PDB file of N, CA and C in Angstrom:
ATOM      1  N   MET A   1     -60.696 -21.905 -33.470  1.00  0.00           N
ATOM      2  CA  MET A   1     -60.350 -21.795 -32.065  1.00  0.00           C
ATOM      3  C   MET A   1     -58.909 -21.290 -31.935  1.00  0.00           C
ATOM      4  N   ALA A   2     -58.689 -20.346 -31.063  1.00  0.00           N
ATOM      5  CA  ALA A   2     -57.373 -19.730 -30.893  1.00  0.00           C
ATOM      6  C   ALA A   2     -56.484 -20.563 -29.963  1.00  0.00           C
ATOM      7  N   TRP A   3     -55.197 -20.482 -30.222  1.00  0.00           N
ATOM      8  CA  TRP A   3     -54.189 -21.201 -29.448  1.00  0.00           C
ATOM      9  C   TRP A   3     -53.356 -20.218 -28.635  1.00  0.00           C
ATOM     10  N   SER A   4     -52.692 -20.733 -27.611  1.00  0.00           N
ATOM     11  CA  SER A   4     -51.732 -19.958 -26.831  1.00  0.00           C
ATOM     12  C   SER A   4     -50.398 -20.687 -26.863  1.00  0.00           C
ATOM     13  N   PHE A   5     -49.327 -19.936 -27.070  1.00  0.00           N
ATOM     14  CA  PHE A   5     -47.986 -20.501 -27.144  1.00  0.00           C
ATOM     15  C   PHE A   5     -47.183 -20.085 -25.920  1.00  0.00           C
ATOM     16  N   TYR A   6     -46.429 -21.032 -25.407  1.00  0.00           N
ATOM     17  CA  TYR A   6     -45.554 -20.820 -24.257  1.00  0.00           C
ATOM     18  C   TYR A   6     -44.171 -21.313 -24.660  1.00  0.00           C
ATOM     19  N   ILE A   7     -43.218 -20.397 -24.714  1.00  0.00           N
ATOM     20  CA  ILE A   7     -41.871 -20.728 -25.154  1.00  0.00           C
ATOM     21  C   ILE A   7     -40.928 -20.417 -23.994  1.00  0.00           C
ATOM     22  N   TYR A   8     -40.285 -21.464 -23.479  1.00  0.00           N
ATOM     23  CA  TYR A   8     -39.442 -21.258 -22.308  1.00  0.00           C
ATOM     24  C   TYR A   8     -38.006 -21.687 -22.591  1.00  0.00           C
ATOM     25  N   TYR A   9     -37.098 -21.059 -21.841  1.00  0.00           N
ATOM     26  CA  TYR A   9     -35.665 -21.290 -22.030  1.00  0.00           C
ATOM     27  C   TYR A   9     -34.905 -20.694 -20.862  1.00  0.00           C
ATOM     28  N   ARG A  10     -33.668 -21.151 -20.711  1.00  0.00           N
ATOM     29  CA  ARG A  10     -32.790 -20.613 -19.670  1.00  0.00           C
ATOM     30  C   ARG A  10     -31.811 -19.627 -20.307  1.00  0.00           C
ATOM     31  N   VAL A  11     -31.759 -18.455 -19.717  1.00  0.00           N
ATOM     32  CA  VAL A  11     -30.863 -17.403 -20.181  1.00  0.00           C
ATOM     33  C   VAL A  11     -29.592 -17.455 -19.332  1.00  0.00           C
ATOM     34  N   ASP A  12     -28.455 -17.290 -19.989  1.00  0.00           N
ATOM     35  CA  ASP A  12     -27.194 -17.190 -19.271  1.00  0.00           C
ATOM     36  C   ASP A  12     -27.290 -15.941 -18.384  1.00  0.00           C
ATOM     37  N   PRO A  13     -27.172 -16.097 -17.054  1.00  0.00           N
ATOM     38  CA  PRO A  13     -27.325 -14.933 -16.169  1.00  0.00           C
ATOM     39  C   PRO A  13     -26.396 -13.768 -16.524  1.00  0.00           C
ATOM     40  N   ALA A  14     -25.207 -14.073 -17.024  1.00  0.00           N
ATOM     41  CA  ALA A  14     -24.259 -13.011 -17.391  1.00  0.00           C
ATOM     42  C   ALA A  14     -24.699 -12.245 -18.631  1.00  0.00           C
ATOM     43  N   LYS A  15     -25.643 -12.807 -19.395  1.00  0.00           N
ATOM     44  CA  LYS A  15     -26.090 -12.179 -20.641  1.00  0.00           C
ATOM     45  C   LYS A  15     -27.540 -11.694 -20.580  1.00  0.00           C
ATOM     46  N   ALA A  16     -28.184 -11.828 -19.430  1.00  0.00           N
ATOM     47  CA  ALA A  16     -29.606 -11.483 -19.319  1.00  0.00           C
ATOM     48  C   ALA A  16     -29.880 -10.024 -19.675  1.00  0.00           C
ATOM     49  N   GLY A  17     -29.004  -9.134 -19.256  1.00  0.00           N
ATOM     50  CA  GLY A  17     -29.195  -7.712 -19.545  1.00  0.00           C
ATOM     51  C   GLY A  17     -29.148  -7.401 -21.026  1.00  0.00           C
ATOM     52  N   LEU A  18     -28.399  -8.187 -21.779  1.00  0.00           N
ATOM     53  CA  LEU A  18     -28.331  -8.006 -23.224  1.00  0.00           C
ATOM     54  C   LEU A  18     -29.452  -8.755 -23.947  1.00  0.00           C
ATOM     55  N   CYS A  19     -29.935  -9.817 -23.323  1.00  0.00           N
ATOM     56  CA  CYS A  19     -30.966 -10.641 -23.958  1.00  0.00           C
ATOM     57  C   CYS A  19     -32.341  -9.966 -23.931  1.00  0.00           C
ATOM     58  N   GLU A  20     -32.672  -9.330 -22.831  1.00  0.00           N
ATOM     59  CA  GLU A  20     -34.022  -8.770 -22.711  1.00  0.00           C
ATOM     60  C   GLU A  20     -34.372  -7.801 -23.843  1.00  0.00           C
ATOM     61  N   PRO A  21     -33.497  -6.860 -24.214  1.00  0.00           N
ATOM     62  CA  PRO A  21     -33.852  -5.978 -25.339  1.00  0.00           C
ATOM     63  C   PRO A  21     -34.071  -6.749 -26.647  1.00  0.00           C
ATOM     64  N   ARG A  22     -33.345  -7.840 -26.833  1.00  0.00           N
ATOM     65  CA  ARG A  22     -33.528  -8.657 -28.037  1.00  0.00           C
ATOM     66  C   ARG A  22     -34.903  -9.313 -28.036  1.00  0.00           C
ATOM     67  N   VAL A  23     -35.320  -9.801 -26.882  1.00  0.00           N
ATOM     68  CA  VAL A  23     -36.642 -10.419 -26.789  1.00  0.00           C
ATOM     69  C   VAL A  23     -37.720  -9.362 -27.017  1.00  0.00           C
ATOM     70  N   ARG A  24     -37.528  -8.166 -26.501  1.00  0.00           N
ATOM     71  CA  ARG A  24     -38.500  -7.083 -26.731  1.00  0.00           C
ATOM     72  C   ARG A  24     -38.570  -6.750 -28.228  1.00  0.00           C
ATOM     73  N   GLU A  25     -37.443  -6.774 -28.904  1.00  0.00           N
ATOM     74  CA  GLU A  25     -37.427  -6.547 -30.348  1.00  0.00           C
ATOM     75  C   GLU A  25     -38.138  -7.689 -31.070  1.00  0.00           C
ATOM     76  N   LEU A  26     -37.921  -8.919 -30.613  1.00  0.00           N
ATOM     77  CA  LEU A  26     -38.620 -10.077 -31.166  1.00  0.00           C
ATOM     78  C   LEU A  26     -40.134  -9.859 -31.078  1.00  0.00           C
ATOM     79  N   PHE A  27     -40.605  -9.385 -29.922  1.00  0.00           N
ATOM     80  CA  PHE A  27     -42.042  -9.126 -29.749  1.00  0.00           C
ATOM     81  C   PHE A  27     -42.541  -8.111 -30.776  1.00  0.00           C
ATOM     82  N   LYS A  28     -41.760  -7.084 -31.026  1.00  0.00           N
ATOM     83  CA  LYS A  28     -42.165  -6.064 -32.013  1.00  0.00           C
ATOM     84  C   LYS A  28     -42.277  -6.669 -33.408  1.00  0.00           C
ATOM     85  N   LEU A  29     -41.290  -7.467 -33.785  1.00  0.00           N
ATOM     86  CA  LEU A  29     -41.312  -8.092 -35.113  1.00  0.00           C
ATOM     87  C   LEU A  29     -42.492  -9.049 -35.256  1.00  0.00           C
ATOM     88  N   VAL A  30     -42.731  -9.848 -34.243  1.00  0.00           N
ATOM     89  CA  VAL A  30     -43.837 -10.814 -34.284  1.00  0.00           C
ATOM     90  C   VAL A  30     -45.180 -10.084 -34.315  1.00  0.00           C
ATOM     91  N   HIS A  31     -45.307  -9.037 -33.515  1.00  0.00           N
ATOM     92  CA  HIS A  31     -46.560  -8.284 -33.488  1.00  0.00           C
ATOM     93  C   HIS A  31     -46.832  -7.651 -34.855  1.00  0.00           C
ATOM     94  N   LYS A  32     -45.799  -7.096 -35.455  1.00  0.00           N
ATOM     95  CA  LYS A  32     -45.959  -6.477 -36.773  1.00  0.00           C
ATOM     96  C   LYS A  32     -46.403  -7.503 -37.818  1.00  0.00           C
ATOM     97  N   ALA A  33     -45.865  -8.710 -37.740  1.00  0.00           N
ATOM     98  CA  ALA A  33     -46.165  -9.746 -38.733  1.00  0.00           C
ATOM     99  C   ALA A  33     -47.476 -10.481 -38.484  1.00  0.00           C
ATOM    100  N   THR A  34     -47.894 -10.573 -37.207  1.00  0.00           N
ATOM    101  CA  THR A  34     -49.053 -11.418 -36.877  1.00  0.00           C
ATOM    102  C   THR A  34     -50.186 -10.699 -36.157  1.00  0.00           C
ATOM    103  N   GLY A  35     -49.898  -9.536 -35.575  1.00  0.00           N
ATOM    104  CA  GLY A  35     -50.901  -8.843 -34.765  1.00  0.00           C
ATOM    105  C   GLY A  35     -50.993  -9.386 -33.346  1.00  0.00           C
ATOM    106  N   VAL A  36     -50.175 -10.368 -33.016  1.00  0.00           N
ATOM    107  CA  VAL A  36     -50.192 -10.974 -31.674  1.00  0.00           C
ATOM    108  C   VAL A  36     -49.068 -10.364 -30.849  1.00  0.00           C
ATOM    109  N   GLN A  37     -49.421  -9.890 -29.655  1.00  0.00           N
ATOM    110  CA  GLN A  37     -48.431  -9.282 -28.763  1.00  0.00           C
ATOM    111  C   GLN A  37     -47.946 -10.322 -27.755  1.00  0.00           C
ATOM    112  N   GLY A  38     -46.640 -10.507 -27.691  1.00  0.00           N
ATOM    113  CA  GLY A  38     -46.061 -11.427 -26.716  1.00  0.00           C
ATOM    114  C   GLY A  38     -45.802 -10.737 -25.398  1.00  0.00           C
ATOM    115  N   ARG A  39     -45.636 -11.548 -24.364  1.00  0.00           N
ATOM    116  CA  ARG A  39     -45.207 -11.017 -23.068  1.00  0.00           C
ATOM    117  C   ARG A  39     -44.114 -11.910 -22.517  1.00  0.00           C
ATOM    118  N   LEU A  40     -43.282 -11.347 -21.677  1.00  0.00           N
ATOM    119  CA  LEU A  40     -42.138 -12.041 -21.115  1.00  0.00           C
ATOM    120  C   LEU A  40     -42.355 -12.252 -19.627  1.00  0.00           C
ATOM    121  N   MET A  41     -42.077 -13.481 -19.190  1.00  0.00           N
ATOM    122  CA  MET A  41     -42.226 -13.822 -17.778  1.00  0.00           C
ATOM    123  C   MET A  41     -40.953 -14.520 -17.303  1.00  0.00           C
ATOM    124  N   THR A  42     -40.708 -14.478 -15.991  1.00  0.00           N
ATOM    125  CA  THR A  42     -39.632 -15.253 -15.388  1.00  0.00           C
ATOM    126  C   THR A  42     -40.227 -16.112 -14.282  1.00  0.00           C
ATOM    127  N   LYS A  43     -39.554 -17.210 -14.001  1.00  0.00           N
ATOM    128  CA  LYS A  43     -40.048 -18.148 -12.990  1.00  0.00           C
ATOM    129  C   LYS A  43     -39.671 -17.674 -11.593  1.00  0.00           C
ATOM    130  N   ARG A  44     -40.594 -17.795 -10.687  1.00  0.00           N
ATOM    131  CA  ARG A  44     -40.330 -17.449  -9.288  1.00  0.00           C
ATOM    132  C   ARG A  44     -39.193 -18.321  -8.763  1.00  0.00           C
ATOM    133  N   GLY A  45     -38.218 -17.685  -8.169  1.00  0.00           N
ATOM    134  CA  GLY A  45     -37.108 -18.404  -7.583  1.00  0.00           C
ATOM    135  C   GLY A  45     -36.073 -18.901  -8.586  1.00  0.00           C
ATOM    136  N   GLU A  46     -36.279 -18.610  -9.859  1.00  0.00           N
ATOM    137  CA  GLU A  46     -35.357 -19.056 -10.901  1.00  0.00           C
ATOM    138  C   GLU A  46     -35.347 -18.002 -12.013  1.00  0.00           C
ATOM    139  N   ALA A  47     -34.731 -16.873 -11.710  1.00  0.00           N
ATOM    140  CA  ALA A  47     -34.805 -15.693 -12.568  1.00  0.00           C
ATOM    141  C   ALA A  47     -34.252 -15.900 -13.972  1.00  0.00           C
ATOM    142  N   ASN A  48     -33.425 -16.918 -14.182  1.00  0.00           N
ATOM    143  CA  ASN A  48     -32.893 -17.120 -15.528  1.00  0.00           C
ATOM    144  C   ASN A  48     -33.754 -18.058 -16.376  1.00  0.00           C
ATOM    145  N   LEU A  49     -34.881 -18.519 -15.838  1.00  0.00           N
ATOM    146  CA  LEU A  49     -35.836 -19.303 -16.627  1.00  0.00           C
ATOM    147  C   LEU A  49     -36.914 -18.344 -17.123  1.00  0.00           C
ATOM    148  N   TRP A  50     -36.888 -18.077 -18.413  1.00  0.00           N
ATOM    149  CA  TRP A  50     -37.788 -17.108 -19.033  1.00  0.00           C
ATOM    150  C   TRP A  50     -38.846 -17.825 -19.853  1.00  0.00           C
ATOM    151  N   MET A  51     -39.995 -17.159 -20.004  1.00  0.00           N
ATOM    152  CA  MET A  51     -41.050 -17.697 -20.847  1.00  0.00           C
ATOM    153  C   MET A  51     -41.693 -16.568 -21.635  1.00  0.00           C
ATOM    154  N   GLU A  52     -41.777 -16.788 -22.947  1.00  0.00           N
ATOM    155  CA  GLU A  52     -42.544 -15.904 -23.821  1.00  0.00           C
ATOM    156  C   GLU A  52     -43.948 -16.483 -23.915  1.00  0.00           C
ATOM    157  N   VAL A  53     -44.949 -15.624 -23.826  1.00  0.00           N
ATOM    158  CA  VAL A  53     -46.337 -16.056 -23.907  1.00  0.00           C
ATOM    159  C   VAL A  53     -47.016 -15.294 -25.037  1.00  0.00           C
ATOM    160  N   TYR A  54     -47.683 -16.043 -25.896  1.00  0.00           N
ATOM    161  CA  TYR A  54     -48.461 -15.484 -27.012  1.00  0.00           C
ATOM    162  C   TYR A  54     -49.858 -16.086 -26.904  1.00  0.00           C
ATOM    163  N   GLU A  55     -50.849 -15.262 -26.597  1.00  0.00           N
ATOM    164  CA  GLU A  55     -52.199 -15.782 -26.354  1.00  0.00           C
ATOM    165  C   GLU A  55     -53.150 -15.404 -27.479  1.00  0.00           C
ATOM    166  N   ASN A  56     -54.205 -16.213 -27.601  1.00  0.00           N
ATOM    167  CA  ASN A  56     -55.255 -15.985 -28.593  1.00  0.00           C
ATOM    168  C   ASN A  56     -54.691 -15.855 -30.012  1.00  0.00           C
ATOM    169  N   VAL A  57     -53.908 -16.843 -30.395  1.00  0.00           N
ATOM    170  CA  VAL A  57     -53.241 -16.864 -31.692  1.00  0.00           C
ATOM    171  C   VAL A  57     -54.193 -17.459 -32.729  1.00  0.00           C
ATOM    172  N   PRO A  58     -54.637 -16.672 -33.709  1.00  0.00           N
ATOM    173  CA  PRO A  58     -55.594 -17.196 -34.685  1.00  0.00           C
ATOM    174  C   PRO A  58     -54.966 -18.093 -35.744  1.00  0.00           C
ATOM    175  N   ASP A  59     -53.687 -17.866 -36.069  1.00  0.00           N
ATOM    176  CA  ASP A  59     -53.006 -18.650 -37.103  1.00  0.00           C
ATOM    177  C   ASP A  59     -51.711 -19.193 -36.498  1.00  0.00           C
ATOM    178  N   GLU A  60     -51.785 -20.399 -35.948  1.00  0.00           N
ATOM    179  CA  GLU A  60     -50.646 -20.945 -35.214  1.00  0.00           C
ATOM    180  C   GLU A  60     -49.432 -21.202 -36.102  1.00  0.00           C
ATOM    181  N   SER A  61     -49.639 -21.593 -37.329  1.00  0.00           N
ATOM    182  CA  SER A  61     -48.509 -21.842 -38.234  1.00  0.00           C
ATOM    183  C   SER A  61     -47.732 -20.560 -38.508  1.00  0.00           C
ATOM    184  N   LYS A  62     -48.451 -19.481 -38.762  1.00  0.00           N
ATOM    185  CA  LYS A  62     -47.795 -18.191 -39.034  1.00  0.00           C
ATOM    186  C   LYS A  62     -47.034 -17.715 -37.804  1.00  0.00           C
ATOM    187  N   LEU A  63     -47.648 -17.818 -36.633  1.00  0.00           N
ATOM    188  CA  LEU A  63     -46.962 -17.367 -35.429  1.00  0.00           C
ATOM    189  C   LEU A  63     -45.700 -18.191 -35.206  1.00  0.00           C
ATOM    190  N   GLU A  64     -45.797 -19.503 -35.329  1.00  0.00           N
ATOM    191  CA  GLU A  64     -44.623 -20.353 -35.127  1.00  0.00           C
ATOM    192  C   GLU A  64     -43.492 -19.954 -36.075  1.00  0.00           C
ATOM    193  N   PHE A  65     -43.828 -19.741 -37.329  1.00  0.00           N
ATOM    194  CA  PHE A  65     -42.813 -19.350 -38.302  1.00  0.00           C
ATOM    195  C   PHE A  65     -42.198 -18.006 -37.931  1.00  0.00           C
ATOM    196  N   GLU A  66     -43.031 -17.014 -37.640  1.00  0.00           N
ATOM    197  CA  GLU A  66     -42.532 -15.658 -37.368  1.00  0.00           C
ATOM    198  C   GLU A  66     -41.680 -15.609 -36.108  1.00  0.00           C
ATOM    199  N   VAL A  67     -42.071 -16.334 -35.074  1.00  0.00           N
ATOM    200  CA  VAL A  67     -41.277 -16.356 -33.839  1.00  0.00           C
ATOM    201  C   VAL A  67     -39.916 -16.991 -34.108  1.00  0.00           C
ATOM    202  N   ALA A  68     -39.905 -18.130 -34.782  1.00  0.00           N
ATOM    203  CA  ALA A  68     -38.645 -18.822 -35.071  1.00  0.00           C
ATOM    204  C   ALA A  68     -37.750 -17.958 -35.963  1.00  0.00           C
ATOM    205  N   ASP A  69     -38.350 -17.322 -36.965  1.00  0.00           N
ATOM    206  CA  ASP A  69     -37.591 -16.472 -37.877  1.00  0.00           C
ATOM    207  C   ASP A  69     -36.977 -15.293 -37.130  1.00  0.00           C
ATOM    208  N   ALA A  70     -37.769 -14.605 -36.321  1.00  0.00           N
ATOM    209  CA  ALA A  70     -37.276 -13.445 -35.571  1.00  0.00           C
ATOM    210  C   ALA A  70     -36.213 -13.864 -34.550  1.00  0.00           C
ATOM    211  N   ALA A  71     -36.433 -14.974 -33.864  1.00  0.00           N
ATOM    212  CA  ALA A  71     -35.450 -15.450 -32.879  1.00  0.00           C
ATOM    213  C   ALA A  71     -34.124 -15.760 -33.564  1.00  0.00           C
ATOM    214  N   GLY A  72     -34.184 -16.334 -34.755  1.00  0.00           N
ATOM    215  CA  GLY A  72     -32.961 -16.622 -35.498  1.00  0.00           C
ATOM    216  C   GLY A  72     -32.248 -15.356 -35.933  1.00  0.00           C
ATOM    217  N   LYS A  73     -32.996 -14.416 -36.492  1.00  0.00           N
ATOM    218  CA  LYS A  73     -32.399 -13.155 -36.952  1.00  0.00           C
ATOM    219  C   LYS A  73     -31.775 -12.368 -35.803  1.00  0.00           C
ATOM    220  N   LEU A  74     -32.410 -12.413 -34.640  1.00  0.00           N
ATOM    221  CA  LEU A  74     -31.914 -11.676 -33.477  1.00  0.00           C
ATOM    222  C   LEU A  74     -30.890 -12.471 -32.668  1.00  0.00           C
ATOM    223  N   ARG A  75     -30.617 -13.695 -33.104  1.00  0.00           N
ATOM    224  CA  ARG A  75     -29.627 -14.572 -32.473  1.00  0.00           C
ATOM    225  C   ARG A  75     -29.892 -14.774 -30.985  1.00  0.00           C
ATOM    226  N   ILE A  76     -31.152 -14.993 -30.644  1.00  0.00           N
ATOM    227  CA  ILE A  76     -31.533 -15.212 -29.251  1.00  0.00           C
ATOM    228  C   ILE A  76     -30.744 -16.379 -28.653  1.00  0.00           C
ATOM    229  N   GLN A  77     -30.464 -17.407 -29.451  1.00  0.00           N
ATOM    230  CA  GLN A  77     -29.753 -18.588 -28.955  1.00  0.00           C
ATOM    231  C   GLN A  77     -28.380 -18.236 -28.374  1.00  0.00           C
ATOM    232  N   ASP A  78     -27.789 -17.125 -28.794  1.00  0.00           N
ATOM    233  CA  ASP A  78     -26.476 -16.728 -28.284  1.00  0.00           C
ATOM    234  C   ASP A  78     -26.513 -16.336 -26.809  1.00  0.00           C
ATOM    235  N   PHE A  79     -27.688 -16.101 -26.278  1.00  0.00           N
ATOM    236  CA  PHE A  79     -27.839 -15.662 -24.895  1.00  0.00           C
ATOM    237  C   PHE A  79     -28.319 -16.776 -23.971  1.00  0.00           C
ATOM    238  N   LEU A  80     -28.536 -17.957 -24.534  1.00  0.00           N
ATOM    239  CA  LEU A  80     -29.137 -19.042 -23.768  1.00  0.00           C
ATOM    240  C   LEU A  80     -28.088 -19.926 -23.118  1.00  0.00           C
ATOM    241  N   GLN A  81     -28.553 -20.615 -22.096  1.00  0.00           N
ATOM    242  CA  GLN A  81     -27.714 -21.502 -21.317  1.00  0.00           C
ATOM    243  C   GLN A  81     -28.207 -22.929 -21.546  1.00  0.00           C
ATOM    244  N   GLY A  82     -27.659 -23.612 -22.523  1.00  0.00           N
ATOM    245  CA  GLY A  82     -28.002 -25.010 -22.782  1.00  0.00           C
ATOM    246  C   GLY A  82     -29.477 -25.257 -23.054  1.00  0.00           C
ATOM    247  N   GLY A  83     -29.769 -26.298 -23.796  1.00  0.00           N
ATOM    248  CA  GLY A  83     -31.141 -26.744 -23.981  1.00  0.00           C
ATOM    249  C   GLY A  83     -31.966 -26.027 -25.024  1.00  0.00           C
ATOM    250  N   GLY A  84     -31.661 -24.790 -25.348  1.00  0.00           N
ATOM    251  CA  GLY A  84     -32.424 -24.083 -26.368  1.00  0.00           C
ATOM    252  C   GLY A  84     -33.815 -23.663 -25.929  1.00  0.00           C
ATOM    253  N   ARG A  85     -34.628 -23.299 -26.912  1.00  0.00           N
ATOM    254  CA  ARG A  85     -35.994 -22.807 -26.687  1.00  0.00           C
ATOM    255  C   ARG A  85     -36.976 -23.975 -26.827  1.00  0.00           C
ATOM    256  N   HIS A  86     -37.905 -24.062 -25.907  1.00  0.00           N
ATOM    257  CA  HIS A  86     -38.905 -25.136 -25.905  1.00  0.00           C
ATOM    258  C   HIS A  86     -40.285 -24.527 -26.135  1.00  0.00           C
ATOM    259  N   VAL A  87     -40.998 -25.025 -27.130  1.00  0.00           N
ATOM    260  CA  VAL A  87     -42.306 -24.485 -27.511  1.00  0.00           C
ATOM    261  C   VAL A  87     -43.403 -25.443 -27.081  1.00  0.00           C
ATOM    262  N   GLU A  88     -44.399 -24.899 -26.383  1.00  0.00           N
ATOM    263  CA  GLU A  88     -45.611 -25.641 -26.013  1.00  0.00           C
ATOM    264  C   GLU A  88     -46.800 -24.832 -26.516  1.00  0.00           C
ATOM    265  N   CYS A  89     -47.819 -25.512 -26.983  1.00  0.00           N
ATOM    266  CA  CYS A  89     -48.992 -24.854 -27.547  1.00  0.00           C
ATOM    267  C   CYS A  89     -50.247 -25.465 -26.922  1.00  0.00           C
ATOM    268  N   PHE A  90     -51.135 -24.618 -26.400  1.00  0.00           N
ATOM    269  CA  PHE A  90     -52.350 -25.065 -25.743  1.00  0.00           C
ATOM    270  C   PHE A  90     -53.549 -24.273 -26.249  1.00  0.00           C
ATOM    271  N   ARG A  91     -54.733 -24.841 -26.094  1.00  0.00           N
ATOM    272  CA  ARG A  91     -55.967 -24.107 -26.372  1.00  0.00           C
ATOM    273  C   ARG A  91     -56.974 -24.418 -25.275  1.00  0.00           C
ATOM    274  N   ASP A  92     -57.928 -23.528 -25.115  1.00  0.00           N
ATOM    275  CA  ASP A  92     -58.994 -23.729 -24.141  1.00  0.00           C
ATOM    276  C   ASP A  92     -59.875 -24.882 -24.600  1.00  0.00           C
ATOM    277  N   VAL A  93     -60.436 -25.611 -23.641  1.00  0.00           N
ATOM    278  CA  VAL A  93     -61.377 -26.695 -23.984  1.00  0.00           C
ATOM    279  C   VAL A  93     -62.769 -26.350 -23.499  1.00  0.00           C
TER     280      VAL A  93
END
């Protein structure tokens, strides 16, 4: 059964323009390693709350590793505003 990952975090508004290309690069690295394409969303009324979505993930351990590895290499944390990245994982029932 496939899983879906939701990773949310607050981006420093002053750094959002620099962060988005890094997240797009993260998606490329993860897709190359896992075949799963991520998408980026923002919360209505709270533009600095971002969420990466990875759906229909066949190997959750590999995806978790690749996302964390790519985020570290791209220094995504340097663009965040407190709290870091929060990972939630769900599957259909």
